[in-house]
Structures are given as C-alpha cells and as structure tokens.
Protein backbone atom coordinates (compact mmCIF):
# COMPACT_ATOMS: atom_id res chain seq x y z
CA UNK A 1 5.37 -2.68 4.35
CA UNK A 2 6.30 -5.87 2.53
CA UNK A 3 4.74 -8.00 5.28
CA UNK A 4 1.46 -6.07 5.00
CA UNK A 5 1.43 -6.65 1.25
CA UNK A 6 2.09 -10.36 1.71
CA UNK A 7 -0.62 -10.65 4.36
CA UNK A 8 -3.12 -8.90 2.08
CA UNK A 9 -2.23 -11.14 -0.86
CA UNK A 10 -2.59 -14.21 1.37
CA UNK A 11 -6.04 -12.99 2.39
CA UNK A 12 -7.06 -12.42 -1.22
CA UNK A 13 -5.85 -15.85 -2.24
CA UNK A 14 -7.22 -17.84 0.69
CA UNK A 15 -10.41 -16.02 1.60
CA UNK A 16 -11.44 -14.49 -1.71
CA UNK A 17 -10.10 -17.23 -3.97
CA UNK A 18 -8.38 -14.97 -6.47
CA UNK A 19 -6.31 -16.53 -9.24
CA UNK A 20 -2.51 -16.72 -8.96
CA UNK A 21 -2.06 -14.39 -11.94
CA UNK A 22 -4.30 -11.82 -10.28
CA UNK A 23 -2.36 -12.08 -7.02
CA UNK A 24 0.95 -11.64 -8.84
CA UNK A 25 -0.37 -8.58 -10.63
CA UNK A 26 -1.77 -7.05 -7.43
CA UNK A 27 1.50 -7.75 -5.64
CA UNK A 28 3.52 -6.12 -8.40
CA UNK A 29 1.26 -3.04 -8.35
CA UNK A 30 1.31 -2.74 -4.56
CA UNK A 31 5.11 -3.05 -4.41
CA UNK A 32 5.50 -0.45 -7.14
CA UNK A 33 3.18 1.91 -5.25
CA UNK A 34 5.07 1.26 -2.01
CA UNK A 35 8.38 2.18 -3.71
CA UNK A 36 6.78 5.34 -5.12
CA UNK A 37 5.49 6.39 -1.71
CA UNK A 38 8.83 5.68 -0.05
CA UNK A 39 10.84 7.53 -2.65
CA UNK A 40 8.60 10.59 -2.42
CA UNK A 41 9.09 10.97 1.34
CA UNK A 42 5.58 10.00 2.31
CA UNK A 43 6.15 8.13 5.55
CA UNK A 44 2.60 7.72 6.83
CA UNK A 45 -0.95 8.93 6.63
CA UNK A 46 -0.51 10.64 9.99
CA UNK A 47 2.41 12.74 8.82
CA UNK A 48 0.54 13.66 5.64
CA UNK A 49 -2.48 14.73 7.66
CA UNK A 50 -0.29 16.75 9.99
CA UNK A 51 1.34 18.52 7.02
CA UNK A 52 -2.09 19.29 5.54
CA UNK A 53 -3.27 20.72 8.87
CA UNK A 54 -0.21 22.93 9.19
CA UNK A 55 -1.06 24.31 5.73
CA UNK A 56 -4.61 25.11 6.83
CA UNK A 57 -6.29 22.23 4.99
CA UNK A 58 -8.90 20.04 6.70
C-alpha cells in the first residue's frame, strides 16, 4: 500500500503541482487511513463486497 501512496503523492506533486505542505498532509492522512483499514481486518474491496453479498446486500 505504501508504494501506491507514494505514487499518488508523486502524481499530485508533479502533475497537479500541489505544494509540499499539502503533499505531506495528504500522505499523513492516507497512511493513517491505511493503518486503520489494516487494523480493522479490511483486506480489499473485493472481500468487502463478497461479505456484503453473503449478507444479502447489493
């Protein structure tokens, strides 16, 4: 996941021209969210969708 975050931040910096402070803030937020997702056993969108389907949700 870390590589995806870094790639996204590189894109935002190079292609969109965002300020360094903005990139640092986005990176901090994305890493915090990634830790939250990992610690709450959410491994992927696919597994979440599969769980929802098994519970009868669309």
